Amino acid sequence: MTQSNSRTIRTQLAKEVAAATRILVAEKILDYSGHVTTRLPDNEGFLIQTGLDSRAELRPERLLVVDYEGKVLEGEGNPPAELALHLEVLKARPDVQSVLHCHMDLAIAFTMMKGVQLQLLRARAVRWESGIPTHPDPSHIKLTEQGAALARTLGPHHAVLMRGHGLTLVAESVPALLVDAVHFQENALAMMQVLQSGAEVLPLTPEELEQINRHEMREFHIGKLWNYYIRKGVETGVVPAAWGMSS
């Protein structure tokens, strides 16, 4: 890949991370904490915001380029305290392009109820058919060994709850990560509503999940929702029109 192509891709990825971060704040999935990371091409490291920059106002040019040893290669400021979380997940999962760590209230709630496990109720929750494990460490994942332990709990899955703390999601792109975060919250809300109604929870059966998978169009669906949220973000001023992300 030429240097010019690499820079073009990096610029686009930086816009995606900044836009997704702002949108996730607007959707109340991120707030004053949490972060999105994504790999750069040719093993050049990954993009992550600084620990102090507001998620609601994040700009592409403020993102840091960090290598897989945790060294800041480009950018001003320091990475967030939970850098080790992203580092160790990305190192353990070469199939993963992007990582979200957040403190979604509904996700946390399902780590604090005895005998209650988050189930798959909504159709798009088929994404987590392999399982949603819970990591037992409720503290900030600041140390390498903590990040490695979280990555082991995540294993081959696409989501891991963090006891009394939050959620980590992984996906094949920043747009996919945004879409998965929206659907994770929708599914968690659906189960909470059923529990609060006092009715019995009826999760999707293996047969129903298989049926959903047979008709799954993930790439199309991600493109559709990414377009929706970007255009909504531009319309509401969450995403600057000057970034040129909507058409």
C-alpha atoms as a PDB file:
ATOM      1  CA  MET A   1       0.000   0.000   0.000  1.00  0.00           C
ATOM      2  CA  THR A   2       1.359   3.415  -0.950  1.00  0.00           C
ATOM      3  CA  GLN A   3       1.838   6.106   1.667  1.00  0.00           C
ATOM      4  CA  SER A   4      -0.873   8.183  -0.005  1.00  0.00           C
ATOM      5  CA  ASN A   5      -3.399   5.323   0.125  1.00  0.00           C
ATOM      6  CA  SER A   6      -2.494   4.578   3.725  1.00  0.00           C
ATOM      7  CA  ARG A   7      -3.056   8.206   4.711  1.00  0.00           C
ATOM      8  CA  THR A   8      -6.424   8.296   2.915  1.00  0.00           C
ATOM      9  CA  ILE A   9      -7.597   5.163   4.728  1.00  0.00           C
ATOM     10  CA  ARG A  10      -6.331   6.504   8.046  1.00  0.00           C
ATOM     11  CA  THR A  11      -8.236   9.756   7.539  1.00  0.00           C
ATOM     12  CA  GLN A  12     -11.438   7.857   6.779  1.00  0.00           C
ATOM     13  CA  LEU A  13     -11.029   5.560   9.772  1.00  0.00           C
ATOM     14  CA  ALA A  14     -10.401   8.543  12.049  1.00  0.00           C
ATOM     15  CA  LYS A  15     -13.646  10.140  10.861  1.00  0.00           C
ATOM     16  CA  GLU A  16     -15.499   6.876  11.467  1.00  0.00           C
ATOM     17  CA  VAL A  17     -14.166   6.572  15.026  1.00  0.00           C
ATOM     18  CA  ALA A  18     -14.965  10.195  15.856  1.00  0.00           C
ATOM     19  CA  ALA A  19     -18.438  10.029  14.283  1.00  0.00           C
ATOM     20  CA  ALA A  20     -19.307   6.701  15.926  1.00  0.00           C
ATOM     21  CA  THR A  21     -18.153   8.007  19.297  1.00  0.00           C
ATOM     22  CA  ARG A  22     -20.326  11.128  19.018  1.00  0.00           C
ATOM     23  CA  ILE A  23     -23.328   9.080  17.848  1.00  0.00           C
ATOM     24  CA  LEU A  24     -22.915   6.584  20.691  1.00  0.00           C
ATOM     25  CA  VAL A  25     -22.993   9.505  23.130  1.00  0.00           C
ATOM     26  CA  ALA A  26     -26.181  10.783  21.483  1.00  0.00           C
ATOM     27  CA  GLU A  27     -27.709   7.300  21.789  1.00  0.00           C
ATOM     28  CA  LYS A  28     -26.716   7.195  25.505  1.00  0.00           C
ATOM     29  CA  ILE A  29     -24.366   4.238  25.040  1.00  0.00           C
ATOM     30  CA  LEU A  30     -21.224   6.286  25.729  1.00  0.00           C
ATOM     31  CA  ASP A  31     -20.993   9.211  28.100  1.00  0.00           C
ATOM     32  CA  TYR A  32     -18.031  10.840  29.842  1.00  0.00           C
ATOM     33  CA  SER A  33     -16.148   7.534  29.652  1.00  0.00           C
ATOM     34  CA  GLY A  34     -15.697   4.694  27.222  1.00  0.00           C
ATOM     35  CA  HIS A  35     -13.880   4.523  23.905  1.00  0.00           C
ATOM     36  CA  VAL A  36     -13.806   3.139  20.383  1.00  0.00           C
ATOM     37  CA  THR A  37     -10.657   1.768  18.772  1.00  0.00           C
ATOM     38  CA  THR A  38      -9.919   0.531  15.276  1.00  0.00           C
ATOM     39  CA  ARG A  39      -6.891  -0.988  13.595  1.00  0.00           C
ATOM     40  CA  LEU A  40      -4.883   0.829  10.958  1.00  0.00           C
ATOM     41  CA  PRO A  41      -3.781  -1.024   7.797  1.00  0.00           C
ATOM     42  CA  ASP A  42      -0.406  -2.731   7.422  1.00  0.00           C
ATOM     43  CA  ASN A  43      -0.043  -3.357  11.164  1.00  0.00           C
ATOM     44  CA  GLU A  44       0.586   0.336  11.780  1.00  0.00           C
ATOM     45  CA  GLY A  45      -1.160   0.245  15.150  1.00  0.00           C
ATOM     46  CA  PHE A  46      -4.626   1.478  16.022  1.00  0.00           C
ATOM     47  CA  LEU A  47      -6.595   4.659  16.631  1.00  0.00           C
ATOM     48  CA  ILE A  48      -7.858   5.615  20.080  1.00  0.00           C
ATOM     49  CA  GLN A  49      -8.902   8.881  21.669  1.00  0.00           C
ATOM     50  CA  THR A  50      -7.113  10.535  24.557  1.00  0.00           C
ATOM     51  CA  GLY A  51      -8.346   9.942  28.054  1.00  0.00           C
ATOM     52  CA  LEU A  52      -9.396  13.562  28.590  1.00  0.00           C
ATOM     53  CA  ASP A  53     -11.081  14.539  25.325  1.00  0.00           C
ATOM     54  CA  SER A  54     -14.868  14.784  25.506  1.00  0.00           C
ATOM     55  CA  ARG A  55     -16.557  11.897  23.732  1.00  0.00           C
ATOM     56  CA  ALA A  56     -19.356  14.268  22.703  1.00  0.00           C
ATOM     57  CA  GLU A  57     -16.954  16.574  20.843  1.00  0.00           C
ATOM     58  CA  LEU A  58     -14.321  14.152  19.588  1.00  0.00           C
ATOM     59  CA  ARG A  59     -12.542  15.233  16.393  1.00  0.00           C
ATOM     60  CA  PRO A  60     -10.665  12.951  13.979  1.00  0.00           C
ATOM     61  CA  GLU A  61      -7.443  14.937  14.264  1.00  0.00           C
ATOM     62  CA  ARG A  62      -7.404  14.455  18.040  1.00  0.00           C
ATOM     63  CA  LEU A  63      -7.118  10.659  17.818  1.00  0.00           C
ATOM     64  CA  LEU A  64      -3.875   8.983  18.815  1.00  0.00           C
ATOM     65  CA  VAL A  65      -2.028   6.340  16.845  1.00  0.00           C
ATOM     66  CA  VAL A  66      -0.821   3.690  19.296  1.00  0.00           C
ATOM     67  CA  ASP A  67       1.262   0.599  18.542  1.00  0.00           C
ATOM     68  CA  TYR A  68       0.649  -2.869  19.968  1.00  0.00           C
ATOM     69  CA  GLU A  69       3.108  -2.265  22.780  1.00  0.00           C
ATOM     70  CA  GLY A  70       1.089   0.713  23.974  1.00  0.00           C
ATOM     71  CA  LYS A  71       3.442   3.399  22.664  1.00  0.00           C
ATOM     72  CA  VAL A  72       1.912   6.583  21.256  1.00  0.00           C
ATOM     73  CA  LEU A  73       3.267   7.017  17.727  1.00  0.00           C
ATOM     74  CA  GLU A  74       1.254  10.066  16.695  1.00  0.00           C
ATOM     75  CA  GLY A  75      -0.948  12.633  18.376  1.00  0.00           C
ATOM     76  CA  GLU A  76      -0.976  14.794  21.479  1.00  0.00           C
ATOM     77  CA  GLY A  77      -2.097  13.632  24.901  1.00  0.00           C
ATOM     78  CA  ASN A  78      -2.264  10.331  26.718  1.00  0.00           C
ATOM     79  CA  PRO A  79      -4.443   7.294  25.963  1.00  0.00           C
ATOM     80  CA  PRO A  80      -7.288   6.417  28.335  1.00  0.00           C
ATOM     81  CA  ALA A  81      -6.488   4.488  31.506  1.00  0.00           C
ATOM     82  CA  GLU A  82      -8.033   1.334  30.039  1.00  0.00           C
ATOM     83  CA  LEU A  83      -5.657   1.176  27.085  1.00  0.00           C
ATOM     84  CA  ALA A  84      -4.659  -2.352  28.152  1.00  0.00           C
ATOM     85  CA  LEU A  85      -8.228  -3.528  27.518  1.00  0.00           C
ATOM     86  CA  HIS A  86      -8.026  -2.577  23.839  1.00  0.00           C
ATOM     87  CA  LEU A  87      -4.430  -3.702  23.440  1.00  0.00           C
ATOM     88  CA  GLU A  88      -4.959  -7.189  24.770  1.00  0.00           C
ATOM     89  CA  VAL A  89      -8.257  -7.779  22.969  1.00  0.00           C
ATOM     90  CA  LEU A  90      -6.780  -6.682  19.643  1.00  0.00           C
ATOM     91  CA  LYS A  91      -3.695  -8.833  20.172  1.00  0.00           C
ATOM     92  CA  ALA A  92      -5.746 -11.873  21.150  1.00  0.00           C
ATOM     93  CA  ARG A  93      -8.280 -11.493  18.324  1.00  0.00           C
ATOM     94  CA  PRO A  94      -6.665 -10.886  14.916  1.00  0.00           C
ATOM     95  CA  ASP A  95     -10.128 -11.310  13.359  1.00  0.00           C
ATOM     96  CA  VAL A  96     -11.350  -8.181  15.171  1.00  0.00           C
ATOM     97  CA  GLN A  97     -10.965  -4.779  13.568  1.00  0.00           C
ATOM     98  CA  SER A  98     -12.725  -2.533  16.088  1.00  0.00           C
ATOM     99  CA  VAL A  99     -13.432  -2.546  19.835  1.00  0.00           C
ATOM    100  CA  LEU A 100     -15.922  -0.636  21.977  1.00  0.00           C
ATOM    101  CA  HIS A 101     -15.716  -0.367  25.736  1.00  0.00           C
ATOM    102  CA  CYS A 102     -18.618   1.382  27.425  1.00  0.00           C
ATOM    103  CA  HIS A 103     -20.576   1.524  30.664  1.00  0.00           C
ATOM    104  CA  MET A 104     -24.052   0.780  29.316  1.00  0.00           C
ATOM    105  CA  ASP A 105     -26.452   0.824  32.277  1.00  0.00           C
ATOM    106  CA  LEU A 106     -28.511  -2.109  31.012  1.00  0.00           C
ATOM    107  CA  ALA A 107     -25.419  -4.213  30.414  1.00  0.00           C
ATOM    108  CA  ILE A 108     -24.221  -3.554  33.951  1.00  0.00           C
ATOM    109  CA  ALA A 109     -27.652  -4.428  35.364  1.00  0.00           C
ATOM    110  CA  PHE A 110     -27.382  -7.969  33.976  1.00  0.00           C
ATOM    111  CA  THR A 111     -24.167  -8.509  35.935  1.00  0.00           C
ATOM    112  CA  MET A 112     -25.878  -7.621  39.219  1.00  0.00           C
ATOM    113  CA  MET A 113     -28.933  -9.888  39.289  1.00  0.00           C
ATOM    114  CA  LYS A 114     -28.674 -13.268  40.947  1.00  0.00           C
ATOM    115  CA  GLY A 115     -29.754 -16.127  38.726  1.00  0.00           C
ATOM    116  CA  VAL A 116     -30.562 -13.885  35.751  1.00  0.00           C
ATOM    117  CA  GLN A 117     -28.593 -14.190  32.529  1.00  0.00           C
ATOM    118  CA  LEU A 118     -28.954 -11.904  29.524  1.00  0.00           C
ATOM    119  CA  GLN A 119     -30.790 -13.876  26.825  1.00  0.00           C
ATOM    120  CA  LEU A 120     -31.252 -13.442  23.086  1.00  0.00           C
ATOM    121  CA  LEU A 121     -34.732 -12.002  22.462  1.00  0.00           C
ATOM    122  CA  ARG A 122     -34.461  -9.617  19.523  1.00  0.00           C
ATOM    123  CA  ALA A 123     -33.671 -10.966  16.055  1.00  0.00           C
ATOM    124  CA  ARG A 124     -30.416  -9.007  15.707  1.00  0.00           C
ATOM    125  CA  ALA A 125     -29.185 -10.563  18.946  1.00  0.00           C
ATOM    126  CA  VAL A 126     -28.273 -13.579  16.806  1.00  0.00           C
ATOM    127  CA  ARG A 127     -24.901 -11.799  16.653  1.00  0.00           C
ATOM    128  CA  TRP A 128     -24.246 -13.129  20.184  1.00  0.00           C
ATOM    129  CA  GLU A 129     -25.459 -16.668  19.555  1.00  0.00           C
ATOM    130  CA  SER A 130     -22.102 -18.096  20.666  1.00  0.00           C
ATOM    131  CA  GLY A 131     -22.570 -16.605  24.136  1.00  0.00           C
ATOM    132  CA  ILE A 132     -22.178 -13.470  26.251  1.00  0.00           C
ATOM    133  CA  PRO A 133     -19.740 -14.280  29.060  1.00  0.00           C
ATOM    134  CA  THR A 134     -19.306 -12.130  32.168  1.00  0.00           C
ATOM    135  CA  HIS A 135     -15.836 -11.096  33.282  1.00  0.00           C
ATOM    136  CA  PRO A 136     -15.517 -11.180  37.095  1.00  0.00           C
ATOM    137  CA  ASP A 137     -13.098  -8.234  37.536  1.00  0.00           C
ATOM    138  CA  PRO A 138     -15.195  -5.092  38.286  1.00  0.00           C
ATOM    139  CA  SER A 139     -12.232  -2.700  38.375  1.00  0.00           C
ATOM    140  CA  HIS A 140     -10.719  -0.542  35.657  1.00  0.00           C
ATOM    141  CA  ILE A 141      -8.713  -2.686  33.254  1.00  0.00           C
ATOM    142  CA  LYS A 142      -5.457  -0.762  33.541  1.00  0.00           C
ATOM    143  CA  LEU A 143      -2.815  -3.499  33.697  1.00  0.00           C
ATOM    144  CA  THR A 144      -1.623  -5.838  30.965  1.00  0.00           C
ATOM    145  CA  GLU A 145      -2.580  -8.917  32.974  1.00  0.00           C
ATOM    146  CA  GLN A 146      -6.084  -7.496  33.506  1.00  0.00           C
ATOM    147  CA  GLY A 147      -6.513  -6.872  29.797  1.00  0.00           C
ATOM    148  CA  ALA A 148      -5.259 -10.363  28.967  1.00  0.00           C
ATOM    149  CA  ALA A 149      -7.698 -11.870  31.462  1.00  0.00           C
ATOM    150  CA  LEU A 150     -10.589  -9.953  29.895  1.00  0.00           C
ATOM    151  CA  ALA A 151      -9.516 -11.144  26.441  1.00  0.00           C
ATOM    152  CA  ARG A 152      -9.548 -14.729  27.713  1.00  0.00           C
ATOM    153  CA  THR A 153     -13.075 -14.292  29.085  1.00  0.00           C
ATOM    154  CA  LEU A 154     -14.183 -12.810  25.757  1.00  0.00           C
ATOM    155  CA  GLY A 155     -12.641 -15.791  23.976  1.00  0.00           C
ATOM    156  CA  PRO A 156     -14.156 -16.302  20.504  1.00  0.00           C
ATOM    157  CA  HIS A 157     -17.307 -14.324  21.315  1.00  0.00           C
ATOM    158  CA  HIS A 158     -18.369 -10.852  20.148  1.00  0.00           C
ATOM    159  CA  ALA A 159     -19.367  -9.398  23.517  1.00  0.00           C
ATOM    160  CA  VAL A 160     -18.333  -9.658  27.149  1.00  0.00           C
ATOM    161  CA  LEU A 161     -20.126  -8.183  30.151  1.00  0.00           C
ATOM    162  CA  MET A 162     -17.938  -6.791  32.930  1.00  0.00           C
ATOM    163  CA  ARG A 163     -19.200  -7.359  36.464  1.00  0.00           C
ATOM    164  CA  GLY A 164     -20.530  -4.110  37.932  1.00  0.00           C
ATOM    165  CA  HIS A 165     -18.582  -2.175  35.316  1.00  0.00           C
ATOM    166  CA  GLY A 166     -19.710  -2.317  31.717  1.00  0.00           C
ATOM    167  CA  LEU A 167     -19.413  -3.993  28.365  1.00  0.00           C
ATOM    168  CA  THR A 168     -16.867  -4.687  25.648  1.00  0.00           C
ATOM    169  CA  LEU A 169     -17.966  -5.358  22.063  1.00  0.00           C
ATOM    170  CA  VAL A 170     -15.832  -6.390  19.090  1.00  0.00           C
ATOM    171  CA  ALA A 171     -16.628  -6.235  15.385  1.00  0.00           C
ATOM    172  CA  GLU A 172     -15.206  -6.236  11.869  1.00  0.00           C
ATOM    173  CA  SER A 173     -15.435  -2.457  11.387  1.00  0.00           C
ATOM    174  CA  VAL A 174     -16.402   0.767  13.121  1.00  0.00           C
ATOM    175  CA  PRO A 175     -19.814   0.888  11.401  1.00  0.00           C
ATOM    176  CA  ALA A 176     -20.455  -2.730  12.455  1.00  0.00           C
ATOM    177  CA  LEU A 177     -19.446  -1.867  16.008  1.00  0.00           C
ATOM    178  CA  LEU A 178     -21.919   1.028  16.148  1.00  0.00           C
ATOM    179  CA  VAL A 179     -24.724  -1.146  14.812  1.00  0.00           C
ATOM    180  CA  ASP A 180     -23.925  -3.957  17.258  1.00  0.00           C
ATOM    181  CA  ALA A 181     -23.926  -1.510  20.177  1.00  0.00           C
ATOM    182  CA  VAL A 182     -27.379  -0.241  19.210  1.00  0.00           C
ATOM    183  CA  HIS A 183     -28.739  -3.779  18.913  1.00  0.00           C
ATOM    184  CA  PHE A 184     -27.104  -4.927  22.147  1.00  0.00           C
ATOM    185  CA  GLN A 185     -28.884  -2.142  24.007  1.00  0.00           C
ATOM    186  CA  GLU A 186     -32.183  -2.948  22.259  1.00  0.00           C
ATOM    187  CA  ASN A 187     -31.926  -6.611  23.245  1.00  0.00           C
ATOM    188  CA  ALA A 188     -31.012  -5.830  26.853  1.00  0.00           C
ATOM    189  CA  LEU A 189     -33.916  -3.375  27.074  1.00  0.00           C
ATOM    190  CA  ALA A 190     -36.325  -5.966  25.658  1.00  0.00           C
ATOM    191  CA  MET A 191     -35.339  -8.494  28.311  1.00  0.00           C
ATOM    192  CA  MET A 192     -35.565  -5.922  31.094  1.00  0.00           C
ATOM    193  CA  GLN A 193     -39.066  -4.996  29.942  1.00  0.00           C
ATOM    194  CA  VAL A 194     -40.137  -8.650  30.026  1.00  0.00           C
ATOM    195  CA  LEU A 195     -38.661  -9.101  33.508  1.00  0.00           C
ATOM    196  CA  GLN A 196     -40.368  -5.959  34.768  1.00  0.00           C
ATOM    197  CA  SER A 197     -43.705  -7.146  33.391  1.00  0.00           C
ATOM    198  CA  GLY A 198     -43.445 -10.251  35.543  1.00  0.00           C
ATOM    199  CA  ALA A 199     -43.837 -12.530  32.536  1.00  0.00           C
ATOM    200  CA  GLU A 200     -41.608 -15.490  31.749  1.00  0.00           C
ATOM    201  CA  VAL A 201     -38.686 -14.717  29.454  1.00  0.00           C
ATOM    202  CA  LEU A 202     -38.867 -16.699  26.207  1.00  0.00           C
ATOM    203  CA  PRO A 203     -35.490 -16.430  24.463  1.00  0.00           C
ATOM    204  CA  LEU A 204     -35.082 -17.253  20.807  1.00  0.00           C
ATOM    205  CA  THR A 205     -34.765 -21.001  20.298  1.00  0.00           C
ATOM    206  CA  PRO A 206     -31.888 -22.659  18.402  1.00  0.00           C
ATOM    207  CA  GLU A 207     -34.321 -23.319  15.553  1.00  0.00           C
ATOM    208  CA  GLU A 208     -35.368 -19.668  15.438  1.00  0.00           C
ATOM    209  CA  LEU A 209     -31.733 -18.520  15.521  1.00  0.00           C
ATOM    210  CA  GLU A 210     -30.949 -20.856  12.633  1.00  0.00           C
ATOM    211  CA  GLN A 211     -33.862 -19.416  10.678  1.00  0.00           C
ATOM    212  CA  ILE A 212     -32.597 -15.868  11.309  1.00  0.00           C
ATOM    213  CA  ASN A 213     -29.097 -16.851  10.206  1.00  0.00           C
ATOM    214  CA  ARG A 214     -30.404 -18.301   6.953  1.00  0.00           C
ATOM    215  CA  HIS A 215     -31.785 -14.898   6.005  1.00  0.00           C
ATOM    216  CA  GLU A 216     -29.077 -12.730   7.565  1.00  0.00           C
ATOM    217  CA  MET A 217     -27.704  -9.871   5.388  1.00  0.00           C
ATOM    218  CA  ARG A 218     -25.212  -8.389   7.836  1.00  0.00           C
ATOM    219  CA  GLU A 219     -23.239  -6.271   5.375  1.00  0.00           C
ATOM    220  CA  PHE A 220     -26.405  -4.708   3.912  1.00  0.00           C
ATOM    221  CA  HIS A 221     -27.879  -4.112   7.368  1.00  0.00           C
ATOM    222  CA  ILE A 222     -24.709  -2.452   8.667  1.00  0.00           C
ATOM    223  CA  GLY A 223     -24.583  -0.158   5.635  1.00  0.00           C
ATOM    224  CA  LYS A 224     -28.249   0.751   6.064  1.00  0.00           C
ATOM    225  CA  LEU A 225     -27.974   1.621   9.766  1.00  0.00           C
ATOM    226  CA  TRP A 226     -24.611   3.376   9.421  1.00  0.00           C
ATOM    227  CA  ASN A 227     -26.140   5.614   6.742  1.00  0.00           C
ATOM    228  CA  TYR A 228     -29.155   6.273   8.984  1.00  0.00           C
ATOM    229  CA  TYR A 229     -27.122   7.236  12.035  1.00  0.00           C
ATOM    230  CA  ILE A 230     -24.596   9.322  10.102  1.00  0.00           C
ATOM    231  CA  ARG A 231     -27.350  11.273   8.344  1.00  0.00           C
ATOM    232  CA  LYS A 232     -29.244  11.658  11.615  1.00  0.00           C
ATOM    233  CA  GLY A 233     -26.017  12.863  13.224  1.00  0.00           C
ATOM    234  CA  VAL A 234     -25.416  15.440  10.499  1.00  0.00           C
ATOM    235  CA  GLU A 235     -29.030  16.626  10.653  1.00  0.00           C
ATOM    236  CA  THR A 236     -28.877  17.116  14.428  1.00  0.00           C
ATOM    237  CA  GLY A 237     -25.381  18.598  14.446  1.00  0.00           C
ATOM    238  CA  VAL A 238     -23.823  15.646  16.270  1.00  0.00           C
ATOM    239  CA  VAL A 239     -21.614  14.885  13.252  1.00  0.00           C
ATOM    240  CA  PRO A 240     -20.181  17.941  11.436  1.00  0.00           C
ATOM    241  CA  ALA A 241     -21.339  18.147   7.826  1.00  0.00           C
ATOM    242  CA  ALA A 242     -17.832  19.329   6.926  1.00  0.00           C
ATOM    243  CA  TRP A 243     -16.555  15.784   7.532  1.00  0.00           C
ATOM    244  CA  GLY A 244     -18.312  14.789   4.307  1.00  0.00           C
ATOM    245  CA  MET A 245     -19.649  11.496   5.659  1.00  0.00           C
ATOM    246  CA  SER A 246     -23.217  11.693   4.312  1.00  0.00           C
ATOM    247  CA  SER A 247     -24.385  11.829   0.733  1.00  0.00           C
END
